[in-house]
């Protein structure tokens, strides 16, 4: 109800000096101002203008509601597509894409910012990270 009142067009009319009263009427929320005495054609034109403005506001708000609804539906469908793209359709278990995304996410989480990392021999970078002994043995034996 209050929203309808706020969106209403208000045509203010007043007798006297237009220069004094028009700014005050506009400041109090009028959308248009007519000084008395008013010619009938001018009053009709201004009322029609206010009605057109009201109609356009209603049309815009209706369109905004439609856009919001469509956006919500697209968002819901996008979430369904993301879930579908991460699961095998036959077995419903996570697929390679899910693995790759999880690996990337965990890799980013494990990376330490050098400026925030504590200093010391364990974090200085001089100590190599121990490698997997199985991989190391294969490299020695000549296997890739």
C-alpha atoms as a PDB file:
ATOM      1  CA  UNK A   1       0.000   0.000   0.000  1.00  0.00           C
ATOM      2  CA  UNK A   2       2.756   2.458   0.922  1.00  0.00           C
ATOM      3  CA  UNK A   3       4.660   1.520  -2.253  1.00  0.00           C
ATOM      4  CA  UNK A   4       1.603   2.392  -4.337  1.00  0.00           C
ATOM      5  CA  UNK A   5       1.375   5.772  -2.653  1.00  0.00           C
ATOM      6  CA  UNK A   6       5.068   6.440  -3.227  1.00  0.00           C
ATOM      7  CA  UNK A   7       4.721   5.563  -6.909  1.00  0.00           C
ATOM      8  CA  UNK A   8       1.682   7.778  -7.401  1.00  0.00           C
ATOM      9  CA  UNK A   9       1.927  10.877  -9.518  1.00  0.00           C
ATOM     10  CA  UNK A  10       0.885  14.037  -7.706  1.00  0.00           C
ATOM     11  CA  UNK A  11      -0.264  17.062  -9.635  1.00  0.00           C
ATOM     12  CA  UNK A  12      -0.127  20.141  -7.418  1.00  0.00           C
ATOM     13  CA  UNK A  13      -2.237  23.201  -8.132  1.00  0.00           C
ATOM     14  CA  UNK A  14      -1.973  26.575  -6.488  1.00  0.00           C
ATOM     15  CA  UNK A  15      -3.002  30.157  -6.917  1.00  0.00           C
ATOM     16  CA  UNK A  16      -0.438  32.886  -6.861  1.00  0.00           C
ATOM     17  CA  UNK A  17       3.202  33.188  -7.778  1.00  0.00           C
ATOM     18  CA  UNK A  18       4.466  30.054  -9.517  1.00  0.00           C
ATOM     19  CA  UNK A  19       8.109  30.813  -8.723  1.00  0.00           C
ATOM     20  CA  UNK A  20       7.470  30.682  -4.975  1.00  0.00           C
ATOM     21  CA  UNK A  21       5.176  27.667  -4.707  1.00  0.00           C
ATOM     22  CA  UNK A  22       6.403  25.281  -7.385  1.00  0.00           C
ATOM     23  CA  UNK A  23       9.780  24.424  -5.721  1.00  0.00           C
ATOM     24  CA  UNK A  24       7.991  23.813  -2.431  1.00  0.00           C
ATOM     25  CA  UNK A  25       5.393  21.530  -4.064  1.00  0.00           C
ATOM     26  CA  UNK A  26       8.108  19.541  -5.859  1.00  0.00           C
ATOM     27  CA  UNK A  27      10.101  19.271  -2.615  1.00  0.00           C
ATOM     28  CA  UNK A  28       7.048  17.751  -0.916  1.00  0.00           C
ATOM     29  CA  UNK A  29       6.687  15.093  -3.595  1.00  0.00           C
ATOM     30  CA  UNK A  30       4.616  16.570  -6.395  1.00  0.00           C
ATOM     31  CA  UNK A  31       5.566  15.320  -9.867  1.00  0.00           C
ATOM     32  CA  UNK A  32       4.009  18.271 -11.672  1.00  0.00           C
ATOM     33  CA  UNK A  33       2.697  21.736 -10.843  1.00  0.00           C
ATOM     34  CA  UNK A  34      -0.033  23.885 -12.365  1.00  0.00           C
ATOM     35  CA  UNK A  35      -0.788  27.475 -11.425  1.00  0.00           C
ATOM     36  CA  UNK A  36      -4.392  28.639 -11.185  1.00  0.00           C
ATOM     37  CA  UNK A  37      -6.216  29.758 -13.190  1.00  0.00           C
ATOM     38  CA  UNK A  38      -5.539  26.830 -15.483  1.00  0.00           C
ATOM     39  CA  UNK A  39      -6.768  26.287 -18.984  1.00  0.00           C
ATOM     40  CA  UNK A  40      -8.697  23.059 -19.416  1.00  0.00           C
ATOM     41  CA  UNK A  41      -6.417  21.760 -22.191  1.00  0.00           C
ATOM     42  CA  UNK A  42      -3.332  22.275 -20.009  1.00  0.00           C
ATOM     43  CA  UNK A  43      -4.900  20.514 -17.038  1.00  0.00           C
ATOM     44  CA  UNK A  44      -6.004  17.582 -19.225  1.00  0.00           C
ATOM     45  CA  UNK A  45      -2.526  17.290 -20.743  1.00  0.00           C
ATOM     46  CA  UNK A  46      -0.828  17.292 -17.354  1.00  0.00           C
ATOM     47  CA  UNK A  47      -3.266  14.735 -15.894  1.00  0.00           C
ATOM     48  CA  UNK A  48      -2.676  12.510 -18.937  1.00  0.00           C
ATOM     49  CA  UNK A  49       1.058  12.910 -18.404  1.00  0.00           C
ATOM     50  CA  UNK A  50       0.724  11.835 -14.756  1.00  0.00           C
ATOM     51  CA  UNK A  51      -1.380   8.826 -15.775  1.00  0.00           C
ATOM     52  CA  UNK A  52       1.188   7.802 -18.414  1.00  0.00           C
ATOM     53  CA  UNK A  53       3.928   8.071 -15.815  1.00  0.00           C
ATOM     54  CA  UNK A  54       1.934   5.868 -13.430  1.00  0.00           C
ATOM     55  CA  UNK A  55       1.333   3.307 -16.196  1.00  0.00           C
ATOM     56  CA  UNK A  56       5.038   3.228 -17.100  1.00  0.00           C
ATOM     57  CA  UNK A  57       6.018   2.739 -13.453  1.00  0.00           C
ATOM     58  CA  UNK A  58       3.592  -0.203 -13.158  1.00  0.00           C
ATOM     59  CA  UNK A  59       4.900  -1.705 -16.412  1.00  0.00           C
ATOM     60  CA  UNK A  60       8.522  -1.343 -15.286  1.00  0.00           C
ATOM     61  CA  UNK A  61       7.834  -2.958 -11.921  1.00  0.00           C
ATOM     62  CA  UNK A  62       5.984  -5.829 -13.579  1.00  0.00           C
ATOM     63  CA  UNK A  63       8.923  -6.365 -15.936  1.00  0.00           C
ATOM     64  CA  UNK A  64      11.374  -6.249 -13.019  1.00  0.00           C
ATOM     65  CA  UNK A  65       9.393  -8.981 -11.241  1.00  0.00           C
ATOM     66  CA  UNK A  66       9.482 -11.102 -14.415  1.00  0.00           C
ATOM     67  CA  UNK A  67      13.250 -10.618 -14.746  1.00  0.00           C
ATOM     68  CA  UNK A  68      13.835 -11.536 -11.094  1.00  0.00           C
ATOM     69  CA  UNK A  69      11.706 -14.674 -11.469  1.00  0.00           C
ATOM     70  CA  UNK A  70      13.551 -15.692 -14.650  1.00  0.00           C
ATOM     71  CA  UNK A  71      16.887 -15.044 -12.955  1.00  0.00           C
ATOM     72  CA  UNK A  72      15.905 -17.224  -9.999  1.00  0.00           C
ATOM     73  CA  UNK A  73      14.827 -20.023 -12.339  1.00  0.00           C
ATOM     74  CA  UNK A  74      18.111 -19.787 -14.261  1.00  0.00           C
ATOM     75  CA  UNK A  75      20.065 -19.899 -11.020  1.00  0.00           C
ATOM     76  CA  UNK A  76      18.204 -23.033  -9.916  1.00  0.00           C
ATOM     77  CA  UNK A  77      18.783 -24.704 -13.289  1.00  0.00           C
ATOM     78  CA  UNK A  78      22.456 -23.730 -13.212  1.00  0.00           C
ATOM     79  CA  UNK A  79      22.877 -25.433  -9.830  1.00  0.00           C
ATOM     80  CA  UNK A  80      21.273 -28.583 -11.237  1.00  0.00           C
ATOM     81  CA  UNK A  81      23.620 -28.484 -14.241  1.00  0.00           C
ATOM     82  CA  UNK A  82      26.667 -28.099 -12.009  1.00  0.00           C
ATOM     83  CA  UNK A  83      25.618 -31.148  -9.979  1.00  0.00           C
ATOM     84  CA  UNK A  84      24.960 -33.119 -13.152  1.00  0.00           C
ATOM     85  CA  UNK A  85      28.341 -32.212 -14.608  1.00  0.00           C
ATOM     86  CA  UNK A  86      30.176 -33.499 -11.539  1.00  0.00           C
ATOM     87  CA  UNK A  87      28.477 -36.902 -11.282  1.00  0.00           C
ATOM     88  CA  UNK A  88      28.549 -39.897 -13.584  1.00  0.00           C
ATOM     89  CA  UNK A  89      25.058 -40.343 -15.012  1.00  0.00           C
ATOM     90  CA  UNK A  90      25.136 -44.136 -14.780  1.00  0.00           C
ATOM     91  CA  UNK A  91      26.701 -44.683 -11.352  1.00  0.00           C
ATOM     92  CA  UNK A  92      26.018 -41.304  -9.688  1.00  0.00           C
ATOM     93  CA  UNK A  93      29.536 -41.209  -8.306  1.00  0.00           C
ATOM     94  CA  UNK A  94      31.871 -38.217  -8.684  1.00  0.00           C
ATOM     95  CA  UNK A  95      33.625 -38.075 -12.070  1.00  0.00           C
ATOM     96  CA  UNK A  96      37.005 -36.791 -13.251  1.00  0.00           C
ATOM     97  CA  UNK A  97      35.766 -33.195 -13.452  1.00  0.00           C
ATOM     98  CA  UNK A  98      34.760 -33.380  -9.783  1.00  0.00           C
ATOM     99  CA  UNK A  99      38.174 -34.797  -8.927  1.00  0.00           C
ATOM    100  CA  UNK A 100      39.989 -32.073 -10.898  1.00  0.00           C
ATOM    101  CA  UNK A 101      37.960 -29.284  -9.264  1.00  0.00           C
ATOM    102  CA  UNK A 102      38.481 -30.763  -5.787  1.00  0.00           C
ATOM    103  CA  UNK A 103      42.199 -31.133  -6.440  1.00  0.00           C
ATOM    104  CA  UNK A 104      42.492 -27.539  -7.639  1.00  0.00           C
ATOM    105  CA  UNK A 105      40.531 -26.267  -4.650  1.00  0.00           C
ATOM    106  CA  UNK A 106      42.668 -28.216  -2.184  1.00  0.00           C
ATOM    107  CA  UNK A 107      45.857 -27.149  -3.967  1.00  0.00           C
ATOM    108  CA  UNK A 108      44.900 -23.488  -3.656  1.00  0.00           C
ATOM    109  CA  UNK A 109      44.011 -24.010  -0.015  1.00  0.00           C
ATOM    110  CA  UNK A 110      47.364 -25.640   0.709  1.00  0.00           C
ATOM    111  CA  UNK A 111      49.487 -22.902  -0.873  1.00  0.00           C
ATOM    112  CA  UNK A 112      50.945 -20.653   1.805  1.00  0.00           C
ATOM    113  CA  UNK A 113      51.430 -16.955   1.192  1.00  0.00           C
ATOM    114  CA  UNK A 114      55.184 -16.323   1.749  1.00  0.00           C
ATOM    115  CA  UNK A 115      54.513 -12.964   3.396  1.00  0.00           C
ATOM    116  CA  UNK A 116      52.153 -14.520   5.939  1.00  0.00           C
ATOM    117  CA  UNK A 117      54.176 -17.676   6.573  1.00  0.00           C
ATOM    118  CA  UNK A 118      56.300 -17.804   9.733  1.00  0.00           C
ATOM    119  CA  UNK A 119      60.034 -17.570   9.118  1.00  0.00           C
ATOM    120  CA  UNK A 120      62.471 -20.211  10.253  1.00  0.00           C
ATOM    121  CA  UNK A 121      64.404 -23.191   8.959  1.00  0.00           C
ATOM    122  CA  UNK A 122      61.275 -25.274   8.338  1.00  0.00           C
ATOM    123  CA  UNK A 123      59.686 -22.557   6.206  1.00  0.00           C
ATOM    124  CA  UNK A 124      62.682 -20.904   4.629  1.00  0.00           C
ATOM    125  CA  UNK A 125      62.570 -22.938   1.456  1.00  0.00           C
ATOM    126  CA  UNK A 126      66.083 -24.352   1.977  1.00  0.00           C
ATOM    127  CA  UNK A 127      64.718 -27.719   3.105  1.00  0.00           C
ATOM    128  CA  UNK A 128      63.320 -29.691   0.170  1.00  0.00           C
ATOM    129  CA  UNK A 129      59.971 -31.371   0.567  1.00  0.00           C
ATOM    130  CA  UNK A 130      60.548 -35.104   1.049  1.00  0.00           C
ATOM    131  CA  UNK A 131      59.454 -37.035  -2.013  1.00  0.00           C
ATOM    132  CA  UNK A 132      57.463 -40.239  -2.141  1.00  0.00           C
ATOM    133  CA  UNK A 133      59.918 -43.136  -1.631  1.00  0.00           C
ATOM    134  CA  UNK A 134      58.107 -45.281  -4.231  1.00  0.00           C
ATOM    135  CA  UNK A 135      58.504 -42.595  -6.893  1.00  0.00           C
ATOM    136  CA  UNK A 136      62.129 -42.071  -5.881  1.00  0.00           C
ATOM    137  CA  UNK A 137      62.888 -45.821  -6.223  1.00  0.00           C
ATOM    138  CA  UNK A 138      61.286 -45.921  -9.700  1.00  0.00           C
ATOM    139  CA  UNK A 139      63.406 -42.981 -10.831  1.00  0.00           C
ATOM    140  CA  UNK A 140      66.547 -44.732  -9.647  1.00  0.00           C
ATOM    141  CA  UNK A 141      65.596 -47.951 -11.424  1.00  0.00           C
ATOM    142  CA  UNK A 142      65.052 -46.008 -14.652  1.00  0.00           C
ATOM    143  CA  UNK A 143      61.269 -46.241 -14.745  1.00  0.00           C
ATOM    144  CA  UNK A 144      59.502 -43.005 -15.515  1.00  0.00           C
END
